[in-house]
Amino acid sequence: MRDATDAEIPGGARQVRKLAETHGWLVRATYARGTTPDRRVRKEMRPGKVVDSLALRMRRGRERAVAVWIDAKFDVAYTWGLAPRVRWNSGQLREQLTAVAG
């Protein structure tokens, strides 16, 4: 894992980063390249295909959020801090990032 270059950040992630920063979140974009677990043989945990992944790691006060893109497509997001950890889709994440800090 390393800091992502601007060229490695997908368009959707750029929009989320801008939205988060506008609403007071500190954002760090990280990049990694590696294999995903092959879901068909999960018990054996064989490596799957090689993918590029980008994570936006965000914080605002005691709130935390992370959003992940795999091969430039949104995959998953989580928030935690003031409330227990919650999994979000991309639309729900945007709502959470724009909510007033608790």
C-alpha atoms as a PDB file:
ATOM      1  CA  MET A   1       0.000   0.000   0.000  1.00  0.00           C
ATOM      2  CA  ARG A   2       1.177   3.495  -0.843  1.00  0.00           C
ATOM      3  CA  ASP A   3      -0.286   6.930  -1.448  1.00  0.00           C
ATOM      4  CA  ALA A   4      -2.173   7.017  -4.747  1.00  0.00           C
ATOM      5  CA  THR A   5      -1.126   9.268  -7.594  1.00  0.00           C
ATOM      6  CA  ASP A   6      -3.782  11.499  -9.157  1.00  0.00           C
ATOM      7  CA  ALA A   7      -3.774   9.287 -12.262  1.00  0.00           C
ATOM      8  CA  GLU A   8      -4.675   6.231 -10.158  1.00  0.00           C
ATOM      9  CA  ILE A   9      -7.785   7.784  -8.593  1.00  0.00           C
ATOM     10  CA  PRO A  10     -10.987   6.851 -10.488  1.00  0.00           C
ATOM     11  CA  GLY A  11     -13.474   9.611 -11.340  1.00  0.00           C
ATOM     12  CA  GLY A  12     -16.019   8.439  -8.772  1.00  0.00           C
ATOM     13  CA  ALA A  13     -13.380   8.461  -6.049  1.00  0.00           C
ATOM     14  CA  ARG A  14     -12.343  11.987  -7.039  1.00  0.00           C
ATOM     15  CA  GLN A  15     -15.944  13.121  -6.608  1.00  0.00           C
ATOM     16  CA  VAL A  16     -16.235  11.455  -3.195  1.00  0.00           C
ATOM     17  CA  ARG A  17     -12.900  12.971  -2.103  1.00  0.00           C
ATOM     18  CA  LYS A  18     -14.011  16.457  -3.128  1.00  0.00           C
ATOM     19  CA  LEU A  19     -17.386  16.022  -1.382  1.00  0.00           C
ATOM     20  CA  ALA A  20     -15.718  14.791   1.805  1.00  0.00           C
ATOM     21  CA  GLU A  21     -13.161  17.603   1.871  1.00  0.00           C
ATOM     22  CA  THR A  22     -15.918  20.173   1.300  1.00  0.00           C
ATOM     23  CA  HIS A  23     -17.657  18.844   4.423  1.00  0.00           C
ATOM     24  CA  GLY A  24     -14.616  18.943   6.693  1.00  0.00           C
ATOM     25  CA  TRP A  25     -13.182  15.445   6.262  1.00  0.00           C
ATOM     26  CA  LEU A  26      -9.427  14.875   6.002  1.00  0.00           C
ATOM     27  CA  VAL A  27      -8.873  12.420   3.130  1.00  0.00           C
ATOM     28  CA  ARG A  28      -5.967  10.169   2.208  1.00  0.00           C
ATOM     29  CA  ALA A  29      -6.036   8.096  -0.992  1.00  0.00           C
ATOM     30  CA  THR A  30      -4.034   4.860  -0.988  1.00  0.00           C
ATOM     31  CA  TYR A  31      -3.303   2.431  -3.816  1.00  0.00           C
ATOM     32  CA  ALA A  32      -2.473  -1.261  -3.795  1.00  0.00           C
ATOM     33  CA  ARG A  33      -2.132  -3.967  -6.441  1.00  0.00           C
ATOM     34  CA  GLY A  34      -2.630  -7.585  -5.498  1.00  0.00           C
ATOM     35  CA  THR A  35      -4.827 -10.636  -5.731  1.00  0.00           C
ATOM     36  CA  THR A  36      -8.329 -11.090  -4.409  1.00  0.00           C
ATOM     37  CA  PRO A  37      -9.428 -14.340  -2.790  1.00  0.00           C
ATOM     38  CA  ASP A  38     -11.037 -16.623  -5.359  1.00  0.00           C
ATOM     39  CA  ARG A  39     -14.617 -16.855  -4.048  1.00  0.00           C
ATOM     40  CA  ARG A  40     -15.147 -20.224  -5.738  1.00  0.00           C
ATOM     41  CA  VAL A  41     -12.452 -21.865  -3.617  1.00  0.00           C
ATOM     42  CA  ARG A  42     -12.674 -19.665  -0.521  1.00  0.00           C
ATOM     43  CA  LYS A  43     -12.019 -22.571   1.852  1.00  0.00           C
ATOM     44  CA  GLU A  44      -8.645 -23.102   0.234  1.00  0.00           C
ATOM     45  CA  MET A  45      -8.001 -19.329  -0.006  1.00  0.00           C
ATOM     46  CA  ARG A  46      -6.327 -19.595  -3.381  1.00  0.00           C
ATOM     47  CA  PRO A  47      -5.439 -16.232  -4.862  1.00  0.00           C
ATOM     48  CA  GLY A  48      -7.805 -14.893  -7.490  1.00  0.00           C
ATOM     49  CA  LYS A  49      -7.123 -12.377 -10.224  1.00  0.00           C
ATOM     50  CA  VAL A  50      -4.729  -9.464  -9.841  1.00  0.00           C
ATOM     51  CA  VAL A  51      -6.574  -6.178  -9.214  1.00  0.00           C
ATOM     52  CA  ASP A  52      -5.833  -2.515  -8.616  1.00  0.00           C
ATOM     53  CA  SER A  53      -7.472  -1.137  -5.505  1.00  0.00           C
ATOM     54  CA  LEU A  54      -7.902   2.370  -4.232  1.00  0.00           C
ATOM     55  CA  ALA A  55      -9.039   3.299  -0.738  1.00  0.00           C
ATOM     56  CA  LEU A  56     -10.166   6.700   0.448  1.00  0.00           C
ATOM     57  CA  ARG A  57      -9.412   6.845   4.174  1.00  0.00           C
ATOM     58  CA  MET A  58     -11.312   9.692   5.792  1.00  0.00           C
ATOM     59  CA  ARG A  59     -11.579  11.230   9.244  1.00  0.00           C
ATOM     60  CA  ARG A  60     -13.476  14.104  10.793  1.00  0.00           C
ATOM     61  CA  GLY A  61     -13.139  14.481  14.555  1.00  0.00           C
ATOM     62  CA  ARG A  62     -13.917  11.044  16.014  1.00  0.00           C
ATOM     63  CA  GLU A  63     -15.686   9.890  12.833  1.00  0.00           C
ATOM     64  CA  ARG A  64     -13.929   7.582  10.381  1.00  0.00           C
ATOM     65  CA  ALA A  65     -14.827   6.315   6.920  1.00  0.00           C
ATOM     66  CA  VAL A  66     -13.207   4.201   4.251  1.00  0.00           C
ATOM     67  CA  ALA A  67     -14.372   3.641   0.680  1.00  0.00           C
ATOM     68  CA  VAL A  68     -12.812   1.104  -1.691  1.00  0.00           C
ATOM     69  CA  TRP A  69     -12.690   0.888  -5.488  1.00  0.00           C
ATOM     70  CA  ILE A  70     -11.522  -2.332  -7.182  1.00  0.00           C
ATOM     71  CA  ASP A  71     -10.324  -1.963 -10.772  1.00  0.00           C
ATOM     72  CA  ALA A  72     -11.823   1.570 -10.808  1.00  0.00           C
ATOM     73  CA  LYS A  73     -15.315   0.354  -9.752  1.00  0.00           C
ATOM     74  CA  PHE A  74     -16.837   1.209  -6.375  1.00  0.00           C
ATOM     75  CA  ASP A  75     -16.810  -1.841  -4.096  1.00  0.00           C
ATOM     76  CA  VAL A  76     -17.716  -0.980  -0.491  1.00  0.00           C
ATOM     77  CA  ALA A  77     -17.641   1.731   2.173  1.00  0.00           C
ATOM     78  CA  TYR A  78     -17.757   1.735   5.960  1.00  0.00           C
ATOM     79  CA  THR A  79     -18.170   4.455   8.587  1.00  0.00           C
ATOM     80  CA  TRP A  80     -17.573   4.229  12.310  1.00  0.00           C
ATOM     81  CA  GLY A  81     -16.671   6.340  15.320  1.00  0.00           C
ATOM     82  CA  LEU A  82     -19.725   8.059  16.778  1.00  0.00           C
ATOM     83  CA  ALA A  83     -21.833   4.992  16.019  1.00  0.00           C
ATOM     84  CA  PRO A  84     -20.970   1.319  15.452  1.00  0.00           C
ATOM     85  CA  ARG A  85     -19.398   0.391  12.121  1.00  0.00           C
ATOM     86  CA  VAL A  86     -21.874   0.457   9.247  1.00  0.00           C
ATOM     87  CA  ARG A  87     -21.505  -0.781   5.654  1.00  0.00           C
ATOM     88  CA  TRP A  88     -22.747   1.593   2.913  1.00  0.00           C
ATOM     89  CA  ASN A  89     -23.282   1.656  -0.829  1.00  0.00           C
ATOM     90  CA  SER A  90     -21.944   4.686  -2.728  1.00  0.00           C
ATOM     91  CA  GLY A  91     -25.149   6.754  -2.424  1.00  0.00           C
ATOM     92  CA  GLN A  92     -25.449   6.116   1.301  1.00  0.00           C
ATOM     93  CA  LEU A  93     -21.786   7.015   1.774  1.00  0.00           C
ATOM     94  CA  ARG A  94     -22.325  10.396   0.121  1.00  0.00           C
ATOM     95  CA  GLU A  95     -25.234  11.078   2.503  1.00  0.00           C
ATOM     96  CA  GLN A  96     -23.081  10.192   5.508  1.00  0.00           C
ATOM     97  CA  LEU A  97     -20.201  12.386   4.382  1.00  0.00           C
ATOM     98  CA  THR A  98     -22.464  15.412   4.032  1.00  0.00           C
ATOM     99  CA  ALA A  99     -24.237  14.892   7.363  1.00  0.00           C
ATOM    100  CA  VAL A 100     -23.452  17.403  10.092  1.00  0.00           C
ATOM    101  CA  ALA A 101     -20.691  16.198  12.410  1.00  0.00           C
ATOM    102  CA  GLY A 102     -22.010  14.713  15.630  1.00  0.00           C
END
